[in-house]
Amino acid sequence: MALTRDVGRPSHRPKVFYEAFSYQAQSWGHPRRVVAMVEWHEGQLFPRVWFIVTNMTGWSRKVVHAVKWTRLSCRNFRDNQVRLQLFALAYNLGNF
């Protein structure tokens, strides 16, 4: 499991693990995919853990990368929506 420490001398670089599982909250109509990212940093007793509820398929690592990649910093929803659409358009044009 990603929450257990390795035996031996710790690395100076953080160790990162990705896990995906299905979860259904009581208020949800159906189970959803949850991607967890676990980071073990040198000198810390407990790991840093992030959870992302998503409908994206594919490797867990790519899902986490996609969420970090589209980080939005505007204060209201409409501004973030336009910014994300422009970013996706630029990304698609770059790949084209």
C-alpha atoms as a PDB file:
ATOM      1  CA  MET A   1       0.000   0.000   0.000  1.00  0.00           C
ATOM      2  CA  ALA A   2       1.162   3.527  -0.705  1.00  0.00           C
ATOM      3  CA  LEU A   3       0.671   4.673   2.907  1.00  0.00           C
ATOM      4  CA  THR A   4       3.378   2.425   4.373  1.00  0.00           C
ATOM      5  CA  ARG A   5       6.978   3.584   4.643  1.00  0.00           C
ATOM      6  CA  ASP A   6       9.810   1.772   2.886  1.00  0.00           C
ATOM      7  CA  VAL A   7      12.438   0.072   5.018  1.00  0.00           C
ATOM      8  CA  GLY A   8      15.994   1.430   4.838  1.00  0.00           C
ATOM      9  CA  ARG A   9      17.652   4.772   4.229  1.00  0.00           C
ATOM     10  CA  PRO A  10      15.192   7.410   3.019  1.00  0.00           C
ATOM     11  CA  SER A  11      15.638   9.119  -0.313  1.00  0.00           C
ATOM     12  CA  HIS A  12      16.163  12.892  -0.539  1.00  0.00           C
ATOM     13  CA  ARG A  13      13.549  13.115  -3.290  1.00  0.00           C
ATOM     14  CA  PRO A  14       9.885  12.672  -2.378  1.00  0.00           C
ATOM     15  CA  LYS A  15       8.396   9.312  -3.248  1.00  0.00           C
ATOM     16  CA  VAL A  16       5.096   9.662  -5.083  1.00  0.00           C
ATOM     17  CA  PHE A  17       2.470   6.957  -5.489  1.00  0.00           C
ATOM     18  CA  TYR A  18      -0.808   7.053  -7.415  1.00  0.00           C
ATOM     19  CA  GLU A  19      -3.827   4.892  -6.646  1.00  0.00           C
ATOM     20  CA  ALA A  20      -7.314   4.780  -8.164  1.00  0.00           C
ATOM     21  CA  PHE A  21     -10.443   3.299  -6.638  1.00  0.00           C
ATOM     22  CA  SER A  22     -14.212   3.505  -6.863  1.00  0.00           C
ATOM     23  CA  TYR A  23     -16.164   5.320  -4.130  1.00  0.00           C
ATOM     24  CA  GLN A  24     -19.793   6.228  -3.584  1.00  0.00           C
ATOM     25  CA  ALA A  25     -20.765   8.881  -1.054  1.00  0.00           C
ATOM     26  CA  GLN A  26     -24.167   8.570   0.540  1.00  0.00           C
ATOM     27  CA  SER A  27     -25.585  11.499  -1.442  1.00  0.00           C
ATOM     28  CA  TRP A  28     -24.247  10.270  -4.831  1.00  0.00           C
ATOM     29  CA  GLY A  29     -26.433   8.261  -7.174  1.00  0.00           C
ATOM     30  CA  HIS A  30     -23.605   6.017  -8.403  1.00  0.00           C
ATOM     31  CA  PRO A  31     -19.962   5.216  -7.577  1.00  0.00           C
ATOM     32  CA  ARG A  32     -17.307   7.527  -8.969  1.00  0.00           C
ATOM     33  CA  ARG A  33     -13.617   7.154  -9.703  1.00  0.00           C
ATOM     34  CA  VAL A  34     -11.277   8.605  -7.101  1.00  0.00           C
ATOM     35  CA  VAL A  35      -7.569   9.100  -7.789  1.00  0.00           C
ATOM     36  CA  ALA A  36      -5.274   9.448  -4.794  1.00  0.00           C
ATOM     37  CA  MET A  37      -1.770  10.920  -4.885  1.00  0.00           C
ATOM     38  CA  VAL A  38       0.459  10.066  -1.923  1.00  0.00           C
ATOM     39  CA  GLU A  39       3.776  11.895  -1.378  1.00  0.00           C
ATOM     40  CA  TRP A  40       6.372  10.806   1.169  1.00  0.00           C
ATOM     41  CA  HIS A  41       8.827  13.635   1.939  1.00  0.00           C
ATOM     42  CA  GLU A  42      12.119  13.218   3.758  1.00  0.00           C
ATOM     43  CA  GLY A  43      11.868  14.027   7.457  1.00  0.00           C
ATOM     44  CA  GLN A  44       8.064  13.943   7.608  1.00  0.00           C
ATOM     45  CA  LEU A  45       6.253  11.387   9.714  1.00  0.00           C
ATOM     46  CA  PHE A  46       3.052  11.325   7.674  1.00  0.00           C
ATOM     47  CA  PRO A  47       2.528  11.483   3.905  1.00  0.00           C
ATOM     48  CA  ARG A  48       0.755  14.234   1.999  1.00  0.00           C
ATOM     49  CA  VAL A  49      -2.383  12.799   0.413  1.00  0.00           C
ATOM     50  CA  TRP A  50      -4.621  14.354  -2.259  1.00  0.00           C
ATOM     51  CA  PHE A  51      -7.893  12.951  -3.587  1.00  0.00           C
ATOM     52  CA  ILE A  52      -9.435  13.820  -6.951  1.00  0.00           C
ATOM     53  CA  VAL A  53     -12.966  12.724  -7.883  1.00  0.00           C
ATOM     54  CA  THR A  54     -13.062  12.439 -11.660  1.00  0.00           C
ATOM     55  CA  ASN A  55     -14.737  10.863 -14.647  1.00  0.00           C
ATOM     56  CA  MET A  56     -11.438  10.814 -16.578  1.00  0.00           C
ATOM     57  CA  THR A  57     -10.131   7.444 -17.682  1.00  0.00           C
ATOM     58  CA  GLY A  58      -6.531   6.417 -18.097  1.00  0.00           C
ATOM     59  CA  TRP A  59      -3.559   6.196 -15.785  1.00  0.00           C
ATOM     60  CA  SER A  60      -3.879   7.793 -12.380  1.00  0.00           C
ATOM     61  CA  ARG A  61      -0.648   9.738 -12.875  1.00  0.00           C
ATOM     62  CA  LYS A  62      -1.999  11.392 -16.044  1.00  0.00           C
ATOM     63  CA  VAL A  63      -5.234  12.357 -14.285  1.00  0.00           C
ATOM     64  CA  VAL A  64      -3.277  14.117 -11.526  1.00  0.00           C
ATOM     65  CA  HIS A  65      -1.068  15.803 -14.118  1.00  0.00           C
ATOM     66  CA  ALA A  66      -4.132  17.031 -16.043  1.00  0.00           C
ATOM     67  CA  VAL A  67      -5.610  18.570 -12.895  1.00  0.00           C
ATOM     68  CA  LYS A  68      -2.343  20.349 -12.018  1.00  0.00           C
ATOM     69  CA  TRP A  69      -1.959  21.379 -15.664  1.00  0.00           C
ATOM     70  CA  THR A  70      -5.264  23.259 -15.731  1.00  0.00           C
ATOM     71  CA  ARG A  71      -4.850  25.138 -12.469  1.00  0.00           C
ATOM     72  CA  LEU A  72      -7.217  28.090 -12.536  1.00  0.00           C
ATOM     73  CA  SER A  73      -6.680  31.175 -10.430  1.00  0.00           C
ATOM     74  CA  CYS A  74      -9.557  33.523 -11.263  1.00  0.00           C
ATOM     75  CA  ARG A  75     -12.086  34.322  -8.546  1.00  0.00           C
ATOM     76  CA  ASN A  76     -15.330  33.608 -10.343  1.00  0.00           C
ATOM     77  CA  PHE A  77     -16.562  30.602 -12.285  1.00  0.00           C
ATOM     78  CA  ARG A  78     -17.166  32.321 -15.625  1.00  0.00           C
ATOM     79  CA  ASP A  79     -13.617  33.714 -15.810  1.00  0.00           C
ATOM     80  CA  ASN A  80     -12.167  30.282 -15.027  1.00  0.00           C
ATOM     81  CA  GLN A  81     -14.453  28.703 -17.630  1.00  0.00           C
ATOM     82  CA  VAL A  82     -13.254  31.074 -20.372  1.00  0.00           C
ATOM     83  CA  ARG A  83      -9.624  30.670 -19.299  1.00  0.00           C
ATOM     84  CA  LEU A  84      -9.891  26.865 -19.425  1.00  0.00           C
ATOM     85  CA  GLN A  85     -11.539  26.942 -22.857  1.00  0.00           C
ATOM     86  CA  LEU A  86      -8.787  29.199 -24.222  1.00  0.00           C
ATOM     87  CA  PHE A  87      -6.156  26.935 -22.711  1.00  0.00           C
ATOM     88  CA  ALA A  88      -7.756  23.833 -24.281  1.00  0.00           C
ATOM     89  CA  LEU A  89      -7.984  25.592 -27.646  1.00  0.00           C
ATOM     90  CA  ALA A  90      -4.302  26.582 -27.502  1.00  0.00           C
ATOM     91  CA  TYR A  91      -3.335  23.043 -26.482  1.00  0.00           C
ATOM     92  CA  ASN A  92      -5.304  21.511 -29.376  1.00  0.00           C
ATOM     93  CA  LEU A  93      -3.857  24.001 -31.876  1.00  0.00           C
ATOM     94  CA  GLY A  94      -0.367  23.210 -30.610  1.00  0.00           C
ATOM     95  CA  ASN A  95      -0.957  19.481 -31.106  1.00  0.00           C
ATOM     96  CA  PHE A  96      -2.521  20.034 -34.518  1.00  0.00           C
END
